Amino acid sequence: MTYLLDTHVLIYLGCAYEDNLTQKVIEIFKNQESKLAVSRISFWEMAIKINIGKLEIPIGLKKIIDITKMTGIEIIPMRDSHILYYQSLEVHKMHKDPFDRYIISTALCESMPVISKDSKFDLYTDVIRIWH
């Protein structure tokens, strides 16, 4: 099975912050049958948040991108289908984050569960979120 990583999970992996991951997530990562993917928008999200001072990545964004490629995590490009699905997603008052909503759209279009600690993903009933 292929799992889509939320941005924070990719940062945890790239910066070796495995202590921030749950046992269930670590088991998925160790399972040789598991495949991991990330939306290209996660890199854009990091870049924007670094620029506005909301995020600091000790090893730098370029290193996160390099590690992602080296470890074989699939980088999913932005596709028209993701954008069109994004447009059709219900807007929840409690969740308007455009990056999360795009990751949700990607997960639904690509039929992937999302690995994320963000419980706001649960507002979208079709999303399978894995954390605990």
C-alpha atoms as a PDB file:
ATOM      1  CA  MET A   1       0.000   0.000   0.000  1.00  0.00           C
ATOM      2  CA  THR A   2       1.131   3.560  -0.688  1.00  0.00           C
ATOM      3  CA  TYR A   3       0.750   6.154   2.060  1.00  0.00           C
ATOM      4  CA  LEU A   4       0.714   9.912   1.525  1.00  0.00           C
ATOM      5  CA  LEU A   5       2.758  11.837   4.082  1.00  0.00           C
ATOM      6  CA  ASP A   6       1.540  15.093   5.538  1.00  0.00           C
ATOM      7  CA  THR A   7       4.167  17.840   5.463  1.00  0.00           C
ATOM      8  CA  HIS A   8       5.055  17.611   9.162  1.00  0.00           C
ATOM      9  CA  VAL A   9       5.679  13.865   8.848  1.00  0.00           C
ATOM     10  CA  LEU A  10       8.117  14.464   6.001  1.00  0.00           C
ATOM     11  CA  ILE A  11       9.928  17.036   8.163  1.00  0.00           C
ATOM     12  CA  TYR A  12      10.088  14.562  11.071  1.00  0.00           C
ATOM     13  CA  LEU A  13      11.631  11.937   8.796  1.00  0.00           C
ATOM     14  CA  GLY A  14      14.060  14.287   7.068  1.00  0.00           C
ATOM     15  CA  CYS A  15      15.286  15.847  10.312  1.00  0.00           C
ATOM     16  CA  ALA A  16      15.444  12.501  12.147  1.00  0.00           C
ATOM     17  CA  TYR A  17      12.722  13.474  14.615  1.00  0.00           C
ATOM     18  CA  GLU A  18      11.377   9.924  14.816  1.00  0.00           C
ATOM     19  CA  ASP A  19      10.456  10.481  18.479  1.00  0.00           C
ATOM     20  CA  ASN A  20       7.564  12.627  17.191  1.00  0.00           C
ATOM     21  CA  LEU A  21       6.082   9.632  15.351  1.00  0.00           C
ATOM     22  CA  THR A  22       3.678   7.085  16.768  1.00  0.00           C
ATOM     23  CA  GLN A  23       4.518   3.391  17.007  1.00  0.00           C
ATOM     24  CA  LYS A  24       1.900   2.654  14.343  1.00  0.00           C
ATOM     25  CA  VAL A  25       3.554   5.074  11.906  1.00  0.00           C
ATOM     26  CA  ILE A  26       7.013   3.649  12.602  1.00  0.00           C
ATOM     27  CA  GLU A  27       5.685   0.146  11.917  1.00  0.00           C
ATOM     28  CA  ILE A  28       4.322   1.312   8.552  1.00  0.00           C
ATOM     29  CA  PHE A  29       7.707   2.830   7.680  1.00  0.00           C
ATOM     30  CA  LYS A  30       9.533  -0.374   8.622  1.00  0.00           C
ATOM     31  CA  ASN A  31       7.156  -2.592   6.640  1.00  0.00           C
ATOM     32  CA  GLN A  32       8.843  -3.416   3.347  1.00  0.00           C
ATOM     33  CA  GLU A  33       5.437  -3.671   1.671  1.00  0.00           C
ATOM     34  CA  SER A  34       4.710  -0.010   2.456  1.00  0.00           C
ATOM     35  CA  LYS A  35       5.399   2.675  -0.107  1.00  0.00           C
ATOM     36  CA  LEU A  36       5.600   6.333   0.839  1.00  0.00           C
ATOM     37  CA  ALA A  37       4.612   9.368  -1.176  1.00  0.00           C
ATOM     38  CA  VAL A  38       4.498  13.110  -0.670  1.00  0.00           C
ATOM     39  CA  SER A  39       2.742  15.808  -2.628  1.00  0.00           C
ATOM     40  CA  ARG A  40       5.045  18.343  -4.253  1.00  0.00           C
ATOM     41  CA  ILE A  41       2.911  21.000  -2.544  1.00  0.00           C
ATOM     42  CA  SER A  42       4.503  20.015   0.786  1.00  0.00           C
ATOM     43  CA  PHE A  43       7.802  21.522  -0.392  1.00  0.00           C
ATOM     44  CA  TRP A  44       6.007  24.702  -1.435  1.00  0.00           C
ATOM     45  CA  GLU A  45       4.293  24.832   1.973  1.00  0.00           C
ATOM     46  CA  MET A  46       7.666  24.530   3.710  1.00  0.00           C
ATOM     47  CA  ALA A  47       9.204  27.245   1.531  1.00  0.00           C
ATOM     48  CA  ILE A  48       6.381  29.685   2.263  1.00  0.00           C
ATOM     49  CA  LYS A  49       6.415  28.977   5.995  1.00  0.00           C
ATOM     50  CA  ILE A  50      10.216  29.349   6.149  1.00  0.00           C
ATOM     51  CA  ASN A  51       9.967  32.704   4.337  1.00  0.00           C
ATOM     52  CA  ILE A  52       7.346  34.094   6.716  1.00  0.00           C
ATOM     53  CA  GLY A  53       9.107  32.823   9.837  1.00  0.00           C
ATOM     54  CA  LYS A  54       6.587  30.122  10.796  1.00  0.00           C
ATOM     55  CA  LEU A  55       8.958  27.211  10.189  1.00  0.00           C
ATOM     56  CA  GLU A  56      12.614  26.480  10.732  1.00  0.00           C
ATOM     57  CA  ILE A  57      14.189  23.379   9.278  1.00  0.00           C
ATOM     58  CA  PRO A  58      17.652  22.852  10.791  1.00  0.00           C
ATOM     59  CA  ILE A  59      18.959  20.944   7.788  1.00  0.00           C
ATOM     60  CA  GLY A  60      17.337  23.242   5.211  1.00  0.00           C
ATOM     61  CA  LEU A  61      14.651  22.680   2.599  1.00  0.00           C
ATOM     62  CA  LYS A  62      17.073  21.543  -0.105  1.00  0.00           C
ATOM     63  CA  LYS A  63      18.322  18.756   2.157  1.00  0.00           C
ATOM     64  CA  ILE A  64      14.724  17.648   2.876  1.00  0.00           C
ATOM     65  CA  ILE A  65      14.093  17.454  -0.888  1.00  0.00           C
ATOM     66  CA  ASP A  66      17.366  15.554  -1.437  1.00  0.00           C
ATOM     67  CA  ILE A  67      16.584  13.075   1.370  1.00  0.00           C
ATOM     68  CA  THR A  68      13.092  12.536  -0.026  1.00  0.00           C
ATOM     69  CA  LYS A  69      14.539  11.629  -3.415  1.00  0.00           C
ATOM     70  CA  MET A  70      17.364   9.497  -1.964  1.00  0.00           C
ATOM     71  CA  THR A  71      15.037   7.417   0.199  1.00  0.00           C
ATOM     72  CA  GLY A  72      12.724   6.655  -2.690  1.00  0.00           C
ATOM     73  CA  ILE A  73       9.691   8.508  -1.390  1.00  0.00           C
ATOM     74  CA  GLU A  74       7.529   9.190  -4.432  1.00  0.00           C
ATOM     75  CA  ILE A  75       6.994  12.884  -5.122  1.00  0.00           C
ATOM     76  CA  ILE A  76       3.521  13.294  -6.568  1.00  0.00           C
ATOM     77  CA  PRO A  77       3.254  16.203  -8.995  1.00  0.00           C
ATOM     78  CA  MET A  78       0.388  18.662  -8.920  1.00  0.00           C
ATOM     79  CA  ARG A  79      -2.272  17.372 -11.297  1.00  0.00           C
ATOM     80  CA  ASP A  80      -5.405  18.916 -12.763  1.00  0.00           C
ATOM     81  CA  SER A  81      -7.473  16.210 -11.081  1.00  0.00           C
ATOM     82  CA  HIS A  82      -6.114  17.210  -7.659  1.00  0.00           C
ATOM     83  CA  ILE A  83      -6.910  20.866  -8.284  1.00  0.00           C
ATOM     84  CA  LEU A  84     -10.431  20.122  -9.501  1.00  0.00           C
ATOM     85  CA  TYR A  85     -11.071  17.816  -6.533  1.00  0.00           C
ATOM     86  CA  TYR A  86      -9.741  20.540  -4.225  1.00  0.00           C
ATOM     87  CA  GLN A  87     -12.314  22.921  -5.675  1.00  0.00           C
ATOM     88  CA  SER A  88     -15.113  20.473  -4.871  1.00  0.00           C
ATOM     89  CA  LEU A  89     -14.019  19.799  -1.259  1.00  0.00           C
ATOM     90  CA  GLU A  90     -16.372  21.030   1.396  1.00  0.00           C
ATOM     91  CA  VAL A  91     -14.960  24.055   3.214  1.00  0.00           C
ATOM     92  CA  HIS A  92     -15.097  23.514   6.958  1.00  0.00           C
ATOM     93  CA  LYS A  93     -15.093  26.550   9.237  1.00  0.00           C
ATOM     94  CA  MET A  94     -12.517  24.815  11.431  1.00  0.00           C
ATOM     95  CA  HIS A  95     -10.212  23.915   8.555  1.00  0.00           C
ATOM     96  CA  LYS A  96      -9.318  26.256   5.742  1.00  0.00           C
ATOM     97  CA  ASP A  97      -5.602  25.455   5.400  1.00  0.00           C
ATOM     98  CA  PRO A  98      -5.033  25.371   1.616  1.00  0.00           C
ATOM     99  CA  PHE A  99      -2.015  23.056   1.836  1.00  0.00           C
ATOM    100  CA  ASP A 100      -3.831  20.482   3.968  1.00  0.00           C
ATOM    101  CA  ARG A 101      -6.834  20.666   1.667  1.00  0.00           C
ATOM    102  CA  TYR A 102      -4.594  20.036  -1.347  1.00  0.00           C
ATOM    103  CA  ILE A 103      -2.966  17.061   0.408  1.00  0.00           C
ATOM    104  CA  ILE A 104      -6.464  15.739   1.146  1.00  0.00           C
ATOM    105  CA  SER A 105      -7.431  16.181  -2.502  1.00  0.00           C
ATOM    106  CA  THR A 106      -4.311  14.331  -3.604  1.00  0.00           C
ATOM    107  CA  ALA A 107      -4.977  11.488  -1.178  1.00  0.00           C
ATOM    108  CA  LEU A 108      -8.543  11.090  -2.376  1.00  0.00           C
ATOM    109  CA  CYS A 109      -7.655  11.292  -6.067  1.00  0.00           C
ATOM    110  CA  GLU A 110      -4.803   8.816  -5.674  1.00  0.00           C
ATOM    111  CA  SER A 111      -6.712   6.532  -3.228  1.00  0.00           C
ATOM    112  CA  MET A 112      -4.079   6.794  -0.511  1.00  0.00           C
ATOM    113  CA  PRO A 113      -4.416   6.988   3.248  1.00  0.00           C
ATOM    114  CA  VAL A 114      -2.695  10.017   4.789  1.00  0.00           C
ATOM    115  CA  ILE A 115      -0.185   9.750   7.604  1.00  0.00           C
ATOM    116  CA  SER A 116      -0.828  12.825   9.728  1.00  0.00           C
ATOM    117  CA  LYS A 117      -1.261  13.837  13.357  1.00  0.00           C
ATOM    118  CA  ASP A 118      -3.690  16.582  12.246  1.00  0.00           C
ATOM    119  CA  SER A 119      -7.133  15.524  13.474  1.00  0.00           C
ATOM    120  CA  LYS A 120      -8.741  18.198  11.276  1.00  0.00           C
ATOM    121  CA  PHE A 121      -8.256  15.776   8.376  1.00  0.00           C
ATOM    122  CA  ASP A 122     -11.013  13.723  10.012  1.00  0.00           C
ATOM    123  CA  LEU A 123     -13.537  16.425   9.048  1.00  0.00           C
ATOM    124  CA  TYR A 124     -13.358  14.924   5.545  1.00  0.00           C
ATOM    125  CA  THR A 125     -15.150  11.627   5.950  1.00  0.00           C
ATOM    126  CA  ASP A 126     -13.640  10.014   2.858  1.00  0.00           C
ATOM    127  CA  VAL A 127     -10.068  10.527   4.083  1.00  0.00           C
ATOM    128  CA  ILE A 128      -8.314   7.682   5.851  1.00  0.00           C
ATOM    129  CA  ARG A 129      -5.925   9.276   8.350  1.00  0.00           C
ATOM    130  CA  ILE A 130      -3.346   7.159  10.091  1.00  0.00           C
ATOM    131  CA  TRP A 131      -1.607   8.228  13.268  1.00  0.00           C
ATOM    132  CA  HIS A 132      -2.569   6.228  16.409  1.00  0.00           C
END
